[in-house]
Amino acid sequence: MTSAVPKYVSTDPRLFRVEGTTPVLMGSRCPACEISFYPRRWVCAVCLRPVGDVDFAGRGVLASYTYVTSPMYGRKMVAGGGYGIGQIDLDEGVRVQAVIGGARDRWRIGQRFVVGLAPCGDPESGEQAALYEFGPEPEV
């Protein structure tokens, strides 16, 4: 018996959308300065010219992290639980702060990370709300 894969929906469609099971971070890029921003902006923070929308691939390097032991939006805490918060330097030149998953004893500064979905809440009518989080990129 096969269980149906839920349709994932973004908890904040201004920040990311979901394509199948992949979150797509939505940012901006200034054509004049060639600087990228996340989240999306209307104007460049440097030259104040209009920017264009850009999607980020969701891959980068872990620059810094910490571990938090308080409840997180949409998730129940388990005894002794918590989660990571990391700063990821995306390949497109943007630093994002996000939840990081995986075993915290496996996180290393400079390690490659990739974005993924983190379901939250209870599924309703076949749709599953999801956050995005970064985790260590699988080694090949």
N, C-alpha and C. Protein backbone atom coordinates (compact mmCIF):
# COMPACT_ATOMS: atom_id res chain seq x y z
N MET A 1 0.84 -1.18 0.00
CA MET A 1 0.00 0.00 0.00
C MET A 1 0.89 1.24 0.00
N THR A 2 0.65 2.13 -0.94
CA THR A 2 1.45 3.34 -1.09
C THR A 2 0.69 4.53 -0.53
N SER A 3 1.36 5.31 0.30
CA SER A 3 0.71 6.52 0.82
C SER A 3 0.96 7.67 -0.15
N ALA A 4 -0.05 8.49 -0.31
CA ALA A 4 0.04 9.62 -1.23
C ALA A 4 0.99 10.68 -0.68
N VAL A 5 1.77 11.28 -1.55
CA VAL A 5 2.65 12.37 -1.16
C VAL A 5 1.80 13.63 -1.05
N PRO A 6 1.86 14.31 0.09
CA PRO A 6 1.04 15.52 0.23
C PRO A 6 1.52 16.63 -0.70
N LYS A 7 0.65 17.54 -0.98
CA LYS A 7 1.03 18.74 -1.72
C LYS A 7 1.57 19.71 -0.67
N TYR A 8 2.83 20.08 -0.80
CA TYR A 8 3.44 20.99 0.16
C TYR A 8 3.14 22.43 -0.22
N VAL A 9 2.85 23.24 0.78
CA VAL A 9 2.59 24.66 0.57
C VAL A 9 3.48 25.48 1.49
N SER A 10 3.94 26.61 1.00
CA SER A 10 4.82 27.50 1.74
C SER A 10 4.08 28.15 2.91
N THR A 11 4.76 28.24 4.04
CA THR A 11 4.19 28.96 5.18
C THR A 11 4.28 30.47 4.97
N ASP A 12 5.13 30.91 4.04
CA ASP A 12 5.23 32.33 3.72
C ASP A 12 5.59 32.50 2.24
N PRO A 13 4.58 32.61 1.36
CA PRO A 13 4.85 32.69 -0.07
C PRO A 13 5.59 33.95 -0.52
N ARG A 14 5.84 34.88 0.39
CA ARG A 14 6.67 36.05 0.04
C ARG A 14 8.15 35.69 0.09
N LEU A 15 8.50 34.63 0.83
CA LEU A 15 9.89 34.24 1.01
C LEU A 15 10.31 33.07 0.12
N PHE A 16 9.41 32.10 -0.03
CA PHE A 16 9.74 30.93 -0.84
C PHE A 16 8.46 30.28 -1.37
N ARG A 17 8.63 29.57 -2.47
CA ARG A 17 7.54 28.77 -3.00
C ARG A 17 8.01 27.32 -3.04
N VAL A 18 7.07 26.42 -3.22
CA VAL A 18 7.41 25.01 -3.26
C VAL A 18 7.11 24.48 -4.66
N GLU A 19 8.11 23.86 -5.26
CA GLU A 19 7.95 23.20 -6.55
C GLU A 19 8.13 21.71 -6.31
N GLY A 20 7.00 20.99 -6.24
CA GLY A 20 7.04 19.57 -5.92
C GLY A 20 7.41 19.38 -4.47
N THR A 21 8.64 18.95 -4.23
CA THR A 21 9.14 18.79 -2.86
C THR A 21 10.37 19.66 -2.62
N THR A 22 10.55 20.67 -3.48
CA THR A 22 11.73 21.53 -3.37
C THR A 22 11.33 22.97 -3.07
N PRO A 23 11.88 23.55 -2.00
CA PRO A 23 11.63 24.97 -1.75
C PRO A 23 12.52 25.83 -2.65
N VAL A 24 11.96 26.91 -3.16
CA VAL A 24 12.70 27.85 -4.01
C VAL A 24 12.72 29.19 -3.30
N LEU A 25 13.90 29.63 -2.87
CA LEU A 25 14.04 30.92 -2.20
C LEU A 25 13.93 32.03 -3.24
N MET A 26 13.10 33.03 -2.95
CA MET A 26 12.84 34.10 -3.90
C MET A 26 13.53 35.38 -3.44
N GLY A 27 14.46 35.86 -4.27
CA GLY A 27 15.22 37.05 -3.93
C GLY A 27 15.18 38.07 -5.03
N SER A 28 16.11 39.01 -4.96
CA SER A 28 16.22 40.09 -5.94
C SER A 28 17.68 40.29 -6.31
N ARG A 29 17.90 40.89 -7.48
CA ARG A 29 19.26 41.21 -7.93
C ARG A 29 19.23 42.55 -8.62
N CYS A 30 20.21 43.37 -8.29
CA CYS A 30 20.34 44.68 -8.91
C CYS A 30 21.14 44.54 -10.21
N PRO A 31 20.56 44.93 -11.34
CA PRO A 31 21.30 44.82 -12.60
C PRO A 31 22.47 45.81 -12.69
N ALA A 32 22.38 46.93 -11.95
CA ALA A 32 23.45 47.93 -12.00
C ALA A 32 24.63 47.53 -11.11
N CYS A 33 24.34 47.17 -9.85
CA CYS A 33 25.40 46.83 -8.89
C CYS A 33 25.79 45.35 -8.93
N GLU A 34 24.93 44.53 -9.51
CA GLU A 34 25.11 43.08 -9.54
C GLU A 34 25.16 42.47 -8.14
N ILE A 35 24.38 43.05 -7.22
CA ILE A 35 24.28 42.55 -5.86
C ILE A 35 22.92 41.88 -5.70
N SER A 36 22.91 40.73 -5.01
CA SER A 36 21.67 40.01 -4.77
C SER A 36 21.20 40.22 -3.34
N PHE A 37 19.89 40.07 -3.13
CA PHE A 37 19.27 40.28 -1.81
C PHE A 37 18.26 39.18 -1.51
N TYR A 38 18.14 38.84 -0.23
CA TYR A 38 17.09 37.96 0.24
C TYR A 38 16.62 38.48 1.58
N PRO A 39 15.32 38.62 1.77
CA PRO A 39 14.25 38.34 0.82
C PRO A 39 14.15 39.40 -0.26
N ARG A 40 13.13 39.26 -1.12
CA ARG A 40 12.95 40.19 -2.23
C ARG A 40 12.83 41.63 -1.76
N ARG A 41 13.32 42.52 -2.61
CA ARG A 41 13.25 43.97 -2.37
C ARG A 41 12.70 44.63 -3.62
N TRP A 42 12.32 45.89 -3.50
CA TRP A 42 11.88 46.66 -4.66
C TRP A 42 13.03 47.46 -5.26
N VAL A 43 13.93 47.92 -4.38
CA VAL A 43 15.06 48.72 -4.85
C VAL A 43 16.36 48.20 -4.23
N CYS A 44 17.45 48.52 -4.87
CA CYS A 44 18.77 48.12 -4.39
C CYS A 44 19.12 48.91 -3.14
N ALA A 45 19.67 48.24 -2.15
CA ALA A 45 20.07 48.90 -0.91
C ALA A 45 21.33 49.74 -1.10
N VAL A 46 22.03 49.56 -2.21
CA VAL A 46 23.27 50.30 -2.46
C VAL A 46 23.02 51.53 -3.33
N CYS A 47 22.39 51.32 -4.51
CA CYS A 47 22.23 52.44 -5.45
C CYS A 47 20.79 52.95 -5.56
N LEU A 48 19.86 52.30 -4.88
CA LEU A 48 18.44 52.67 -4.85
C LEU A 48 17.74 52.56 -6.21
N ARG A 49 18.33 51.81 -7.14
CA ARG A 49 17.68 51.56 -8.43
C ARG A 49 16.76 50.35 -8.30
N PRO A 50 15.78 50.22 -9.19
CA PRO A 50 14.90 49.04 -9.17
C PRO A 50 15.70 47.76 -9.37
N VAL A 51 15.25 46.70 -8.71
CA VAL A 51 15.89 45.39 -8.83
C VAL A 51 14.96 44.43 -9.54
N GLY A 52 15.50 43.32 -10.00
CA GLY A 52 14.70 42.27 -10.63
C GLY A 52 14.59 41.07 -9.72
N ASP A 53 13.53 40.31 -9.91
CA ASP A 53 13.34 39.09 -9.13
C ASP A 53 14.28 38.00 -9.62
N VAL A 54 14.74 37.18 -8.67
CA VAL A 54 15.63 36.06 -8.99
C VAL A 54 15.33 34.92 -8.02
N ASP A 55 15.45 33.70 -8.50
CA ASP A 55 15.32 32.52 -7.65
C ASP A 55 16.71 32.01 -7.31
N PHE A 56 16.91 31.63 -6.06
CA PHE A 56 18.19 31.10 -5.63
C PHE A 56 18.16 29.58 -5.64
N ALA A 57 19.28 28.98 -6.00
CA ALA A 57 19.38 27.53 -6.11
C ALA A 57 19.29 26.83 -4.75
N GLY A 58 19.55 27.56 -3.67
CA GLY A 58 19.43 26.96 -2.34
C GLY A 58 20.62 26.10 -1.93
N ARG A 59 21.78 26.46 -2.41
CA ARG A 59 23.01 25.75 -2.03
C ARG A 59 24.04 26.78 -1.57
N GLY A 60 24.81 26.41 -0.57
CA GLY A 60 25.82 27.33 -0.09
C GLY A 60 26.68 26.71 0.99
N VAL A 61 27.38 27.57 1.72
CA VAL A 61 28.35 27.15 2.73
C VAL A 61 27.91 27.66 4.10
N LEU A 62 27.99 26.81 5.10
CA LEU A 62 27.65 27.19 6.46
C LEU A 62 28.72 28.15 7.00
N ALA A 63 28.29 29.38 7.32
CA ALA A 63 29.22 30.39 7.81
C ALA A 63 29.27 30.44 9.34
N SER A 64 28.13 30.16 9.98
CA SER A 64 28.04 30.23 11.43
C SER A 64 26.77 29.49 11.86
N TYR A 65 26.72 29.04 13.10
CA TYR A 65 25.49 28.41 13.58
C TYR A 65 25.43 28.45 15.10
N THR A 66 24.22 28.22 15.60
CA THR A 66 23.97 28.07 17.03
C THR A 66 22.86 27.05 17.21
N TYR A 67 22.64 26.62 18.43
CA TYR A 67 21.60 25.64 18.73
C TYR A 67 20.62 26.27 19.71
N VAL A 68 19.33 26.18 19.40
CA VAL A 68 18.29 26.82 20.19
C VAL A 68 17.44 25.75 20.88
N THR A 69 17.11 25.99 22.14
CA THR A 69 16.32 25.00 22.89
C THR A 69 14.96 25.54 23.32
N SER A 70 14.38 26.41 22.52
CA SER A 70 13.03 26.90 22.78
C SER A 70 12.14 26.45 21.63
N PRO A 71 10.82 26.44 21.84
CA PRO A 71 9.91 25.96 20.79
C PRO A 71 10.03 26.77 19.50
N MET A 72 9.81 26.07 18.38
CA MET A 72 9.84 26.71 17.08
C MET A 72 8.44 26.69 16.48
N TYR A 73 8.15 27.69 15.69
CA TYR A 73 6.88 27.82 14.99
C TYR A 73 6.45 26.50 14.33
N GLY A 74 5.26 26.04 14.66
CA GLY A 74 4.69 24.88 13.99
C GLY A 74 5.25 23.54 14.38
N ARG A 75 6.08 23.49 15.40
CA ARG A 75 6.65 22.20 15.81
C ARG A 75 6.53 22.04 17.32
N LYS A 76 6.31 20.82 17.73
CA LYS A 76 6.24 20.52 19.15
C LYS A 76 7.64 20.19 19.65
N MET A 77 7.94 20.63 20.86
CA MET A 77 9.24 20.33 21.45
C MET A 77 9.19 18.94 22.07
N VAL A 78 10.24 18.21 21.92
CA VAL A 78 10.38 16.94 22.60
C VAL A 78 11.41 17.13 23.70
N ALA A 79 11.34 16.28 24.70
CA ALA A 79 12.27 16.40 25.82
C ALA A 79 13.71 16.42 25.31
N GLY A 80 14.46 17.41 25.74
CA GLY A 80 15.87 17.52 25.35
C GLY A 80 16.04 17.99 23.91
N GLY A 81 14.97 18.43 23.28
CA GLY A 81 15.02 18.81 21.87
C GLY A 81 15.44 20.24 21.64
N GLY A 82 15.60 20.56 20.42
CA GLY A 82 15.97 21.89 19.98
C GLY A 82 16.22 21.85 18.49
N TYR A 83 16.80 22.90 17.98
CA TYR A 83 17.08 22.98 16.54
C TYR A 83 18.20 23.96 16.31
N GLY A 84 18.79 23.86 15.13
CA GLY A 84 19.89 24.74 14.77
C GLY A 84 19.41 25.94 13.97
N ILE A 85 20.13 27.03 14.12
CA ILE A 85 19.96 28.23 13.29
C ILE A 85 21.34 28.50 12.70
N GLY A 86 21.38 28.64 11.39
CA GLY A 86 22.66 28.86 10.75
C GLY A 86 22.63 30.01 9.78
N GLN A 87 23.80 30.53 9.49
CA GLN A 87 23.96 31.52 8.43
C GLN A 87 24.63 30.80 7.27
N ILE A 88 23.93 30.81 6.14
CA ILE A 88 24.40 30.12 4.95
C ILE A 88 24.77 31.15 3.89
N ASP A 89 25.98 31.08 3.40
CA ASP A 89 26.42 31.93 2.29
C ASP A 89 26.06 31.22 0.99
N LEU A 90 24.95 31.66 0.37
CA LEU A 90 24.49 31.04 -0.86
C LEU A 90 25.49 31.26 -1.99
N ASP A 91 25.48 30.35 -2.95
CA ASP A 91 26.38 30.45 -4.09
C ASP A 91 26.18 31.74 -4.87
N GLU A 92 24.98 32.33 -4.79
CA GLU A 92 24.69 33.57 -5.50
C GLU A 92 25.20 34.81 -4.77
N GLY A 93 25.88 34.63 -3.62
CA GLY A 93 26.48 35.76 -2.92
C GLY A 93 25.63 36.36 -1.82
N VAL A 94 24.56 35.70 -1.43
CA VAL A 94 23.67 36.19 -0.38
C VAL A 94 23.85 35.35 0.87
N ARG A 95 23.85 36.00 2.02
CA ARG A 95 23.89 35.27 3.30
C ARG A 95 22.47 35.24 3.85
N VAL A 96 21.96 34.03 4.13
CA VAL A 96 20.64 33.88 4.71
C VAL A 96 20.77 33.24 6.08
N GLN A 97 19.87 33.62 6.95
CA GLN A 97 19.79 32.99 8.27
C GLN A 97 18.58 32.07 8.23
N ALA A 98 18.76 30.80 8.60
CA ALA A 98 17.69 29.83 8.47
C ALA A 98 17.84 28.71 9.49
N VAL A 99 16.77 27.97 9.66
CA VAL A 99 16.82 26.75 10.46
C VAL A 99 17.72 25.76 9.73
N ILE A 100 18.53 25.03 10.48
CA ILE A 100 19.35 23.97 9.88
C ILE A 100 18.98 22.66 10.54
N GLY A 101 18.97 21.62 9.74
CA GLY A 101 18.60 20.30 10.21
C GLY A 101 19.77 19.34 10.15
N GLY A 102 19.48 18.11 10.50
CA GLY A 102 20.52 17.10 10.55
C GLY A 102 21.12 17.06 11.95
N ALA A 103 22.02 16.13 12.16
CA ALA A 103 22.66 15.96 13.47
C ALA A 103 23.64 17.09 13.72
N ARG A 104 23.45 17.79 14.84
CA ARG A 104 24.30 18.98 15.09
C ARG A 104 25.77 18.64 15.28
N ASP A 105 26.08 17.42 15.67
CA ASP A 105 27.50 17.06 15.81
C ASP A 105 28.16 16.84 14.44
N ARG A 106 27.37 16.93 13.36
CA ARG A 106 27.90 16.77 12.01
C ARG A 106 28.05 18.10 11.27
N TRP A 107 27.63 19.21 11.89
CA TRP A 107 27.74 20.53 11.24
C TRP A 107 29.16 21.06 11.39
N ARG A 108 29.70 21.61 10.32
CA ARG A 108 31.04 22.20 10.34
C ARG A 108 31.03 23.52 9.57
N ILE A 109 31.65 24.53 10.14
CA ILE A 109 31.81 25.80 9.43
C ILE A 109 32.55 25.50 8.13
N GLY A 110 32.07 26.06 7.02
CA GLY A 110 32.68 25.82 5.72
C GLY A 110 32.08 24.63 4.98
N GLN A 111 31.20 23.90 5.63
CA GLN A 111 30.57 22.73 5.02
C GLN A 111 29.47 23.16 4.04
N ARG A 112 29.30 22.40 2.96
CA ARG A 112 28.25 22.68 1.98
C ARG A 112 26.89 22.28 2.55
N PHE A 113 25.90 23.18 2.39
CA PHE A 113 24.54 22.93 2.84
C PHE A 113 23.59 23.15 1.68
N VAL A 114 22.43 22.49 1.74
CA VAL A 114 21.41 22.58 0.70
C VAL A 114 20.05 22.76 1.36
N VAL A 115 19.16 23.51 0.70
CA VAL A 115 17.84 23.78 1.24
C VAL A 115 16.93 22.57 1.02
N GLY A 116 16.01 22.36 1.96
CA GLY A 116 15.01 21.30 1.85
C GLY A 116 13.75 21.73 2.58
N LEU A 117 12.72 20.90 2.49
CA LEU A 117 11.45 21.19 3.16
C LEU A 117 11.42 20.61 4.56
N ALA A 118 10.74 21.31 5.44
CA ALA A 118 10.51 20.85 6.81
C ALA A 118 9.01 20.97 7.08
N PRO A 119 8.25 19.87 6.91
CA PRO A 119 6.81 19.92 7.15
C PRO A 119 6.51 20.39 8.57
N CYS A 120 5.43 21.13 8.73
CA CYS A 120 5.03 21.59 10.06
C CYS A 120 3.52 21.56 10.17
N GLY A 121 3.03 21.48 11.37
CA GLY A 121 1.58 21.43 11.58
C GLY A 121 1.00 20.12 11.09
N ASP A 122 -0.32 20.03 11.12
CA ASP A 122 -1.01 18.84 10.66
C ASP A 122 -1.54 19.07 9.25
N PRO A 123 -1.39 18.06 8.37
CA PRO A 123 -1.90 18.22 7.01
C PRO A 123 -3.42 18.41 7.01
N GLU A 124 -3.89 19.32 6.19
CA GLU A 124 -5.32 19.54 6.03
C GLU A 124 -5.67 19.39 4.56
N SER A 125 -6.68 18.63 4.28
CA SER A 125 -7.20 18.43 2.92
C SER A 125 -6.11 18.11 1.90
N GLY A 126 -5.17 17.27 2.28
CA GLY A 126 -4.12 16.86 1.35
C GLY A 126 -2.98 17.84 1.18
N GLU A 127 -3.05 19.00 1.83
CA GLU A 127 -1.95 19.96 1.75
C GLU A 127 -1.17 19.95 3.06
N GLN A 128 0.14 20.04 2.95
CA GLN A 128 1.02 20.03 4.10
C GLN A 128 1.81 21.33 4.14
N ALA A 129 1.59 22.14 5.18
CA ALA A 129 2.38 23.36 5.34
C ALA A 129 3.83 22.98 5.58
N ALA A 130 4.74 23.79 5.05
CA ALA A 130 6.16 23.48 5.21
C ALA A 130 6.98 24.76 5.32
N LEU A 131 8.00 24.66 6.13
CA LEU A 131 9.04 25.68 6.23
C LEU A 131 10.19 25.21 5.35
N TYR A 132 11.17 26.08 5.13
CA TYR A 132 12.39 25.59 4.50
C TYR A 132 13.47 25.53 5.57
N GLU A 133 14.38 24.60 5.39
CA GLU A 133 15.54 24.51 6.28
C GLU A 133 16.71 24.02 5.46
N PHE A 134 17.89 24.30 5.96
CA PHE A 134 19.10 23.84 5.29
C PHE A 134 19.67 22.67 6.04
N GLY A 135 20.31 21.79 5.33
CA GLY A 135 20.98 20.65 5.93
C GLY A 135 22.26 20.34 5.16
N PRO A 136 23.13 19.55 5.75
CA PRO A 136 24.37 19.21 5.06
C PRO A 136 24.10 18.58 3.69
N GLU A 137 24.85 19.02 2.72
CA GLU A 137 24.71 18.48 1.36
C GLU A 137 25.23 17.05 1.38
N PRO A 138 24.48 16.11 0.80
CA PRO A 138 24.97 14.72 0.76
C PRO A 138 26.30 14.62 0.05
N GLU A 139 27.17 13.79 0.59
CA GLU A 139 28.47 13.59 -0.04
C GLU A 139 28.31 12.57 -1.16
N VAL A 140 29.00 12.82 -2.27
CA VAL A 140 28.91 11.89 -3.41
C VAL A 140 30.17 11.10 -3.56
